[in-house]
PDB file of N, CA and C in Angstrom:
ATOM      1  N   UNK A   1       0.836  -1.101  -0.082  1.00  0.00           N
ATOM      2  CA  UNK A   1      -0.076  -0.066  -0.063  1.00  0.00           C
ATOM      3  C   UNK A   1       0.797   1.071   0.185  1.00  0.00           C
ATOM      4  N   UNK A   2       0.492   2.138  -0.979  1.00  0.00           N
ATOM      5  CA  UNK A   2       1.297   3.443  -1.237  1.00  0.00           C
ATOM      6  C   UNK A   2       1.001   4.179  -0.132  1.00  0.00           C
ATOM      7  N   UNK A   3       2.094   5.108   0.440  1.00  0.00           N
ATOM      8  CA  UNK A   3       1.524   6.223   1.499  1.00  0.00           C
ATOM      9  C   UNK A   3       1.280   7.501   0.807  1.00  0.00           C
ATOM     10  N   UNK A   4       0.284   7.908   1.062  1.00  0.00           N
ATOM     11  CA  UNK A   4      -0.429   9.256   0.332  1.00  0.00           C
ATOM     12  C   UNK A   4       0.823  10.297   0.413  1.00  0.00           C
ATOM     13  N   UNK A   5       1.348  10.397   1.832  1.00  0.00           N
ATOM     14  CA  UNK A   5       2.279  11.836   1.623  1.00  0.00           C
ATOM     15  C   UNK A   5       3.480  11.101   2.054  1.00  0.00           C
ATOM     16  N   UNK A   6       4.412  11.765   1.020  1.00  0.00           N
ATOM     17  CA  UNK A   6       6.194  11.134   1.205  1.00  0.00           C
ATOM     18  C   UNK A   6       6.790  12.148   2.105  1.00  0.00           C
ATOM     19  N   UNK A   7       7.870  11.613   2.861  1.00  0.00           N
ATOM     20  CA  UNK A   7       8.600  12.426   3.619  1.00  0.00           C
ATOM     21  C   UNK A   7       9.510  13.325   3.142  1.00  0.00           C
ATOM     22  N   UNK A   8       9.214  14.449   3.110  1.00  0.00           N
ATOM     23  CA  UNK A   8      10.249  15.469   2.438  1.00  0.00           C
ATOM     24  C   UNK A   8      11.819  15.003   3.007  1.00  0.00           C
ATOM     25  N   UNK A   9      12.024  14.997   4.144  1.00  0.00           N
ATOM     26  CA  UNK A   9      13.457  14.569   4.762  1.00  0.00           C
ATOM     27  C   UNK A   9      13.906  13.402   4.043  1.00  0.00           C
ATOM     28  N   UNK A  10      13.318  12.396   3.833  1.00  0.00           N
ATOM     29  CA  UNK A  10      13.796  11.065   2.984  1.00  0.00           C
ATOM     30  C   UNK A  10      13.869  11.306   1.808  1.00  0.00           C
ATOM     31  N   UNK A  11      13.031  12.345   1.119  1.00  0.00           N
ATOM     32  CA  UNK A  11      13.704  12.706  -0.372  1.00  0.00           C
ATOM     33  C   UNK A  11      14.512  13.526  -0.314  1.00  0.00           C
ATOM     34  N   UNK A  12      14.951  14.373   0.524  1.00  0.00           N
ATOM     35  CA  UNK A  12      16.444  15.022   0.674  1.00  0.00           C
ATOM     36  C   UNK A  12      17.568  14.300   0.863  1.00  0.00           C
ATOM     37  N   UNK A  13      17.359  13.340   1.686  1.00  0.00           N
ATOM     38  CA  UNK A  13      18.311  12.277   1.974  1.00  0.00           C
ATOM     39  C   UNK A  13      18.660  11.395   0.766  1.00  0.00           C
ATOM     40  N   UNK A  14      17.561  10.976  -0.061  1.00  0.00           N
ATOM     41  CA  UNK A  14      18.025  10.311  -1.149  1.00  0.00           C
ATOM     42  C   UNK A  14      18.637  11.161  -2.182  1.00  0.00           C
ATOM     43  N   UNK A  15      18.384  12.534  -2.189  1.00  0.00           N
ATOM     44  CA  UNK A  15      18.915  13.406  -3.639  1.00  0.00           C
ATOM     45  C   UNK A  15      20.650  13.543  -3.024  1.00  0.00           C
ATOM     46  N   UNK A  16      20.361  13.733  -1.491  1.00  0.00           N
ATOM     47  CA  UNK A  16      21.922  14.131  -1.597  1.00  0.00           C
ATOM     48  C   UNK A  16      22.628  12.749  -1.438  1.00  0.00           C
ATOM     49  N   UNK A  17      22.178  11.605  -1.124  1.00  0.00           N
ATOM     50  CA  UNK A  17      22.979  10.409  -1.863  1.00  0.00           C
ATOM     51  C   UNK A  17      23.080  10.227  -3.037  1.00  0.00           C
ATOM     52  N   UNK A  18      22.156  10.503  -4.080  1.00  0.00           N
ATOM     53  CA  UNK A  18      22.305  10.511  -5.569  1.00  0.00           C
ATOM     54  C   UNK A  18      23.379  11.577  -6.021  1.00  0.00           C
ATOM     55  N   UNK A  19      23.348  12.734  -5.457  1.00  0.00           N
ATOM     56  CA  UNK A  19      24.277  13.920  -5.770  1.00  0.00           C
ATOM     57  C   UNK A  19      25.656  13.513  -5.681  1.00  0.00           C
ATOM     58  N   UNK A  20      25.629  12.949  -4.335  1.00  0.00           N
ATOM     59  CA  UNK A  20      27.217  12.643  -3.922  1.00  0.00           C
ATOM     60  C   UNK A  20      27.893  11.666  -5.004  1.00  0.00           C
ATOM     61  N   UNK A  21      27.357  10.999  -5.527  1.00  0.00           N
ATOM     62  CA  UNK A  21      27.735  10.153  -6.285  1.00  0.00           C
ATOM     63  C   UNK A  21      28.030  10.531  -7.736  1.00  0.00           C
ATOM     64  N   UNK A  22      27.751  11.525  -7.818  1.00  0.00           N
ATOM     65  CA  UNK A  22      27.622  12.421  -9.122  1.00  0.00           C
ATOM     66  C   UNK A  22      28.985  13.206  -9.367  1.00  0.00           C
ATOM     67  N   UNK A  23      29.499  13.520  -8.199  1.00  0.00           N
ATOM     68  CA  UNK A  23      30.591  14.660  -8.107  1.00  0.00           C
ATOM     69  C   UNK A  23      31.941  13.821  -8.019  1.00  0.00           C
ATOM     70  N   UNK A  24      32.656  13.998  -8.948  1.00  0.00           N
ATOM     71  CA  UNK A  24      34.131  13.044  -8.960  1.00  0.00           C
ATOM     72  C   UNK A  24      34.907  13.275  -7.812  1.00  0.00           C
ATOM     73  N   UNK A  25      34.486  14.607  -7.177  1.00  0.00           N
ATOM     74  CA  UNK A  25      35.941  14.776  -6.495  1.00  0.00           C
ATOM     75  C   UNK A  25      35.207  14.161  -5.016  1.00  0.00           C
ATOM     76  N   UNK A  26      33.941  13.951  -4.626  1.00  0.00           N
ATOM     77  CA  UNK A  26      33.353  13.451  -3.757  1.00  0.00           C
ATOM     78  C   UNK A  26      33.415  11.975  -3.649  1.00  0.00           C
ATOM     79  N   UNK A  27      33.636  11.631  -4.757  1.00  0.00           N
ATOM     80  CA  UNK A  27      34.084   9.828  -4.939  1.00  0.00           C
ATOM     81  C   UNK A  27      35.267   9.621  -4.753  1.00  0.00           C
ATOM     82  N   UNK A  28      36.308  10.485  -5.039  1.00  0.00           N
ATOM     83  CA  UNK A  28      37.573  10.362  -4.887  1.00  0.00           C
ATOM     84  C   UNK A  28      37.882  10.558  -3.295  1.00  0.00           C
ATOM     85  N   UNK A  29      37.131  11.312  -2.634  1.00  0.00           N
ATOM     86  CA  UNK A  29      37.309  11.425  -0.998  1.00  0.00           C
ATOM     87  C   UNK A  29      37.067  10.416  -0.374  1.00  0.00           C
ATOM     88  N   UNK A  30      35.599   9.889  -0.896  1.00  0.00           N
ATOM     89  CA  UNK A  30      34.873   8.749   0.024  1.00  0.00           C
ATOM     90  C   UNK A  30      35.964   7.648  -0.303  1.00  0.00           C
ATOM     91  N   UNK A  31      36.415   7.379  -1.468  1.00  0.00           N
ATOM     92  CA  UNK A  31      37.698   6.368  -1.796  1.00  0.00           C
ATOM     93  C   UNK A  31      38.465   6.362  -0.834  1.00  0.00           C
ATOM     94  N   UNK A  32      39.032   7.424  -0.844  1.00  0.00           N
ATOM     95  CA  UNK A  32      40.817   7.461   0.113  1.00  0.00           C
ATOM     96  C   UNK A  32      40.078   7.320   1.340  1.00  0.00           C
ATOM     97  N   UNK A  33      38.974   7.702   1.904  1.00  0.00           N
ATOM     98  CA  UNK A  33      38.446   7.863   3.364  1.00  0.00           C
ATOM     99  C   UNK A  33      38.146   6.192   3.479  1.00  0.00           C
ATOM    100  N   UNK A  34      37.564   5.510   2.537  1.00  0.00           N
ATOM    101  CA  UNK A  34      37.379   4.223   2.515  1.00  0.00           C
ATOM    102  C   UNK A  34      38.580   3.461   2.941  1.00  0.00           C
ATOM    103  N   UNK A  35      39.770   3.839   2.230  1.00  0.00           N
ATOM    104  CA  UNK A  35      41.001   3.128   2.203  1.00  0.00           C
ATOM    105  C   UNK A  35      41.718   3.487   3.598  1.00  0.00           C
ATOM    106  N   UNK A  36      41.459   4.564   4.183  1.00  0.00           N
ATOM    107  CA  UNK A  36      42.099   4.941   5.287  1.00  0.00           C
ATOM    108  C   UNK A  36      41.499   4.080   6.360  1.00  0.00           C
ATOM    109  N   UNK A  37      40.162   4.017   6.500  1.00  0.00           N
ATOM    110  CA  UNK A  37      39.223   3.134   7.648  1.00  0.00           C
ATOM    111  C   UNK A  37      39.523   1.598   7.404  1.00  0.00           C
ATOM    112  N   UNK A  38      40.104   1.392   6.274  1.00  0.00           N
ATOM    113  CA  UNK A  38      40.188  -0.169   5.932  1.00  0.00           C
ATOM    114  C   UNK A  38      41.224  -0.523   6.660  1.00  0.00           C
ATOM    115  N   UNK A  39      42.564   0.288   6.281  1.00  0.00           N
ATOM    116  CA  UNK A  39      43.811   0.215   6.915  1.00  0.00           C
ATOM    117  C   UNK A  39      43.806   0.580   8.599  1.00  0.00           C
ATOM    118  N   UNK A  40      43.080   1.363   9.116  1.00  0.00           N
ATOM    119  CA  UNK A  40      42.946   1.390  10.428  1.00  0.00           C
ATOM    120  C   UNK A  40      42.211   0.217  11.138  1.00  0.00           C
ATOM    121  N   UNK A  41      41.681  -0.351  10.205  1.00  0.00           N
ATOM    122  CA  UNK A  41      40.717  -1.776  10.709  1.00  0.00           C
ATOM    123  C   UNK A  41      41.567  -2.558  10.933  1.00  0.00           C
ATOM    124  N   UNK A  42      42.154  -2.920   9.695  1.00  0.00           N
ATOM    125  CA  UNK A  42      43.231  -4.156   9.668  1.00  0.00           C
ATOM    126  C   UNK A  42      44.208  -3.890  10.622  1.00  0.00           C
ATOM    127  N   UNK A  43      44.912  -2.719  11.088  1.00  0.00           N
ATOM    128  CA  UNK A  43      45.741  -2.476  12.238  1.00  0.00           C
ATOM    129  C   UNK A  43      45.234  -2.755  13.288  1.00  0.00           C
ATOM    130  N   UNK A  44      44.254  -2.501  13.509  1.00  0.00           N
ATOM    131  CA  UNK A  44      43.457  -2.810  15.008  1.00  0.00           C
ATOM    132  C   UNK A  44      43.153  -4.175  15.199  1.00  0.00           C
ATOM    133  N   UNK A  45      42.738  -4.704  14.075  1.00  0.00           N
ATOM    134  CA  UNK A  45      42.602  -6.158  14.226  1.00  0.00           C
ATOM    135  C   UNK A  45      43.973  -7.115  14.735  1.00  0.00           C
ATOM    136  N   UNK A  46      45.121  -6.385  14.026  1.00  0.00           N
ATOM    137  CA  UNK A  46      46.179  -7.173  14.323  1.00  0.00           C
ATOM    138  C   UNK A  46      46.622  -6.848  15.667  1.00  0.00           C
ATOM    139  N   UNK A  47      46.545  -5.700  16.104  1.00  0.00           N
ATOM    140  CA  UNK A  47      46.979  -5.273  17.362  1.00  0.00           C
ATOM    141  C   UNK A  47      46.102  -6.061  18.565  1.00  0.00           C
ATOM    142  N   UNK A  48      44.714  -6.248  18.359  1.00  0.00           N
ATOM    143  CA  UNK A  48      43.841  -6.905  19.081  1.00  0.00           C
ATOM    144  C   UNK A  48      44.147  -8.249  19.291  1.00  0.00           C
ATOM    145  N   UNK A  49      44.739  -9.256  18.186  1.00  0.00           N
ATOM    146  CA  UNK A  49      44.924 -10.359  18.281  1.00  0.00           C
ATOM    147  C   UNK A  49      46.620 -10.722  18.873  1.00  0.00           C
ATOM    148  N   UNK A  50      47.472  -9.878  18.506  1.00  0.00           N
ATOM    149  CA  UNK A  50      48.629 -10.246  18.712  1.00  0.00           C
ATOM    150  C   UNK A  50      49.272  -9.368  19.863  1.00  0.00           C
ATOM    151  N   UNK A  51      48.646  -8.267  20.150  1.00  0.00           N
ATOM    152  CA  UNK A  51      49.308  -7.617  21.348  1.00  0.00           C
ATOM    153  C   UNK A  51      48.919  -8.537  22.566  1.00  0.00           C
ATOM    154  N   UNK A  52      47.923  -8.937  22.776  1.00  0.00           N
ATOM    155  CA  UNK A  52      47.432  -9.591  23.780  1.00  0.00           C
ATOM    156  C   UNK A  52      47.993 -10.609  24.210  1.00  0.00           C
ATOM    157  N   UNK A  53      48.450 -11.679  23.000  1.00  0.00           N
ATOM    158  CA  UNK A  53      49.391 -12.791  23.294  1.00  0.00           C
ATOM    159  C   UNK A  53      50.758 -12.313  23.362  1.00  0.00           C
ATOM    160  N   UNK A  54      51.314 -11.055  22.964  1.00  0.00           N
ATOM    161  CA  UNK A  54      52.467 -10.401  23.398  1.00  0.00           C
ATOM    162  C   UNK A  54      52.709 -10.225  24.963  1.00  0.00           C
ATOM    163  N   UNK A  55      51.759  -9.665  25.421  1.00  0.00           N
ATOM    164  CA  UNK A  55      51.776  -9.108  26.635  1.00  0.00           C
ATOM    165  C   UNK A  55      51.916 -10.366  27.609  1.00  0.00           C
ATOM    166  N   UNK A  56      50.598 -11.445  27.144  1.00  0.00           N
ATOM    167  CA  UNK A  56      50.434 -12.845  28.328  1.00  0.00           C
ATOM    168  C   UNK A  56      52.174 -13.594  28.071  1.00  0.00           C
ATOM    169  N   UNK A  57      52.795 -13.439  26.890  1.00  0.00           N
ATOM    170  CA  UNK A  57      54.221 -14.248  27.025  1.00  0.00           C
ATOM    171  C   UNK A  57      55.329 -13.380  27.478  1.00  0.00           C
ATOM    172  N   UNK A  58      55.243 -11.916  27.568  1.00  0.00           N
ATOM    173  CA  UNK A  58      56.051 -11.240  28.469  1.00  0.00           C
ATOM    174  C   UNK A  58      55.903 -11.367  29.659  1.00  0.00           C
ATOM    175  N   UNK A  59      54.710 -11.304  30.063  1.00  0.00           N
ATOM    176  CA  UNK A  59      54.237 -11.614  31.617  1.00  0.00           C
ATOM    177  C   UNK A  59      54.663 -13.297  32.031  1.00  0.00           C
ATOM    178  N   UNK A  60      54.550 -13.926  31.114  1.00  0.00           N
ATOM    179  CA  UNK A  60      54.830 -15.512  31.383  1.00  0.00           C
ATOM    180  C   UNK A  60      56.483 -15.762  31.437  1.00  0.00           C
ATOM    181  N   UNK A  61      57.070 -14.987  30.866  1.00  0.00           N
ATOM    182  CA  UNK A  61      58.497 -14.868  30.618  1.00  0.00           C
ATOM    183  C   UNK A  61      59.350 -14.442  32.045  1.00  0.00           C
ATOM    184  N   UNK A  62      58.490 -13.406  32.447  1.00  0.00           N
ATOM    185  CA  UNK A  62      59.153 -12.462  33.598  1.00  0.00           C
ATOM    186  C   UNK A  62      58.800 -13.109  34.763  1.00  0.00           C
ATOM    187  N   UNK A  63      57.661 -13.897  35.158  1.00  0.00           N
ATOM    188  CA  UNK A  63      57.101 -14.512  36.363  1.00  0.00           C
ATOM    189  C   UNK A  63      57.399 -16.002  36.298  1.00  0.00           C
ATOM    190  N   UNK A  64      58.234 -16.579  35.495  1.00  0.00           N
ATOM    191  CA  UNK A  64      58.568 -17.955  35.431  1.00  0.00           C
ATOM    192  C   UNK A  64      59.073 -18.307  36.933  1.00  0.00           C
ATOM    193  N   UNK A  65      58.648 -19.291  37.376  1.00  0.00           N
ATOM    194  CA  UNK A  65      59.414 -19.769  38.589  1.00  0.00           C
ATOM    195  C   UNK A  65      60.317 -20.675  38.525  1.00  0.00           C
ATOM    196  N   UNK A  66      61.563 -20.386  39.027  1.00  0.00           N
ATOM    197  CA  UNK A  66      62.864 -21.097  39.109  1.00  0.00           C
ATOM    198  C   UNK A  66      62.663 -22.879  39.506  1.00  0.00           C
ATOM    199  N   UNK A  67      62.865 -23.589  39.165  1.00  0.00           N
ATOM    200  CA  UNK A  67      63.113 -25.195  39.946  1.00  0.00           C
ATOM    201  C   UNK A  67      63.929 -24.866  41.170  1.00  0.00           C
ATOM    202  N   UNK A  68      63.111 -25.636  42.196  1.00  0.00           N
ATOM    203  CA  UNK A  68      64.042 -26.082  43.481  1.00  0.00           C
ATOM    204  C   UNK A  68      65.236 -26.841  43.224  1.00  0.00           C
ATOM    205  N   UNK A  69      66.485 -26.250  43.535  1.00  0.00           N
ATOM    206  CA  UNK A  69      67.800 -27.222  43.410  1.00  0.00           C
ATOM    207  C   UNK A  69      68.080 -27.694  44.839  1.00  0.00           C
ATOM    208  N   UNK A  70      69.069 -28.631  44.451  1.00  0.00           N
ATOM    209  CA  UNK A  70      69.599 -29.547  45.391  1.00  0.00           C
ATOM    210  C   UNK A  70      70.856 -29.343  45.607  1.00  0.00           C
ATOM    211  N   UNK A  71      71.440 -29.205  46.722  1.00  0.00           N
ATOM    212  CA  UNK A  71      73.068 -29.257  46.935  1.00  0.00           C
ATOM    213  C   UNK A  71      73.628 -30.745  47.280  1.00  0.00           C
ATOM    214  N   UNK A  72      74.312 -31.320  46.391  1.00  0.00           N
ATOM    215  CA  UNK A  72      74.832 -32.653  46.981  1.00  0.00           C
ATOM    216  C   UNK A  72      75.926 -32.400  47.634  1.00  0.00           C
ATOM    217  N   UNK A  73      76.783 -33.566  47.882  1.00  0.00           N
ATOM    218  CA  UNK A  73      77.555 -33.565  49.111  1.00  0.00           C
ATOM    219  C   UNK A  73      78.830 -32.469  48.852  1.00  0.00           C
ATOM    220  N   UNK A  74      79.012 -32.608  47.407  1.00  0.00           N
ATOM    221  CA  UNK A  74      80.080 -31.531  46.750  1.00  0.00           C
ATOM    222  C   UNK A  74      80.011 -30.077  46.952  1.00  0.00           C
ATOM    223  N   UNK A  75      78.861 -29.759  47.058  1.00  0.00           N
ATOM    224  CA  UNK A  75      78.339 -28.598  47.329  1.00  0.00           C
ATOM    225  C   UNK A  75      78.088 -27.949  45.766  1.00  0.00           C
ATOM    226  N   UNK A  76      77.747 -28.818  44.953  1.00  0.00           N
ATOM    227  CA  UNK A  76      77.246 -28.241  43.524  1.00  0.00           C
ATOM    228  C   UNK A  76      75.948 -28.335  43.525  1.00  0.00           C
ATOM    229  N   UNK A  77      75.305 -27.246  43.086  1.00  0.00           N
ATOM    230  CA  UNK A  77      73.702 -27.151  42.895  1.00  0.00           C
ATOM    231  C   UNK A  77      73.628 -27.819  41.837  1.00  0.00           C
ATOM    232  N   UNK A  78      72.439 -28.814  42.024  1.00  0.00           N
ATOM    233  CA  UNK A  78      71.659 -29.446  41.178  1.00  0.00           C
ATOM    234  C   UNK A  78      70.313 -29.384  41.052  1.00  0.00           C
ATOM    235  N   UNK A  79      69.718 -29.580  39.893  1.00  0.00           N
ATOM    236  CA  UNK A  79      68.525 -29.562  39.776  1.00  0.00           C
ATOM    237  C   UNK A  79      67.809 -30.990  40.237  1.00  0.00           C
ATOM    238  N   UNK A  80      66.842 -30.975  41.172  1.00  0.00           N
ATOM    239  CA  UNK A  80      66.147 -32.101  41.524  1.00  0.00           C
ATOM    240  C   UNK A  80      65.790 -32.574  40.327  1.00  0.00           C
ATOM    241  N   UNK A  81      65.813 -34.283  40.146  1.00  0.00           N
ATOM    242  CA  UNK A  81      65.281 -35.344  38.871  1.00  0.00           C
ATOM    243  C   UNK A  81      63.809 -35.386  39.202  1.00  0.00           C
ATOM    244  N   UNK A  82      62.977 -35.519  38.093  1.00  0.00           N
ATOM    245  CA  UNK A  82      61.472 -35.479  38.139  1.00  0.00           C
ATOM    246  C   UNK A  82      61.014 -36.586  38.942  1.00  0.00           C
ATOM    247  N   UNK A  83      59.812 -36.603  39.479  1.00  0.00           N
ATOM    248  CA  UNK A  83      59.372 -37.396  40.057  1.00  0.00           C
ATOM    249  C   UNK A  83      58.712 -38.558  39.296  1.00  0.00           C
ATOM    250  N   UNK A  84      59.416 -39.866  39.158  1.00  0.00           N
ATOM    251  CA  UNK A  84      58.895 -40.208  37.775  1.00  0.00           C
ATOM    252  C   UNK A  84      57.698 -41.323  38.241  1.00  0.00           C
ATOM    253  N   UNK A  85      57.522 -41.549  39.601  1.00  0.00           N
ATOM    254  CA  UNK A  85      56.253 -42.162  39.905  1.00  0.00           C
ATOM    255  C   UNK A  85      54.937 -41.531  39.441  1.00  0.00           C
ATOM    256  N   UNK A  86      55.042 -40.139  39.574  1.00  0.00           N
ATOM    257  CA  UNK A  86      53.932 -39.655  38.950  1.00  0.00           C
ATOM    258  C   UNK A  86      53.360 -39.727  37.216  1.00  0.00           C
ATOM    259  N   UNK A  87      55.004 -39.619  36.581  1.00  0.00           N
ATOM    260  CA  UNK A  87      54.799 -39.692  35.413  1.00  0.00           C
ATOM    261  C   UNK A  87      54.723 -40.968  34.934  1.00  0.00           C
ATOM    262  N   UNK A  88      55.286 -42.424  35.521  1.00  0.00           N
ATOM    263  CA  UNK A  88      55.096 -43.416  35.103  1.00  0.00           C
ATOM    264  C   UNK A  88      54.732 -44.369  36.310  1.00  0.00           C
ATOM    265  N   UNK A  89      53.766 -44.510  36.602  1.00  0.00           N
ATOM    266  CA  UNK A  89      53.323 -45.431  37.691  1.00  0.00           C
ATOM    267  C   UNK A  89      53.627 -46.592  37.582  1.00  0.00           C
ATOM    268  N   UNK A  90      54.001 -47.277  36.468  1.00  0.00           N
ATOM    269  CA  UNK A  90      54.208 -48.811  36.212  1.00  0.00           C
ATOM    270  C   UNK A  90      55.777 -49.078  36.559  1.00  0.00           C
ATOM    271  N   UNK A  91      56.628 -48.128  36.777  1.00  0.00           N
ATOM    272  CA  UNK A  91      57.837 -48.235  37.326  1.00  0.00           C
ATOM    273  C   UNK A  91      58.311 -48.297  38.593  1.00  0.00           C
TER     274      UNK A  91
END
């Protein structure tokens, strides 16, 4: 069903959209703006993915706990061997 009255603001918007694409300068400006926004969007996606991983990696590297060291009879610090009972219960 058609409306008997048209909205003049919709008509103005449609005329503005049509006339925007008729002017070559405006099309060039829009194209450059779209390219710039695409580049910014791409860089922000990379930063979102990799920056969080980088921060997690750096925090993990700096807060790494050192293994407990044993001192043998000669005074040499040695790293204690792993508990094989936990890893190999059949041994």
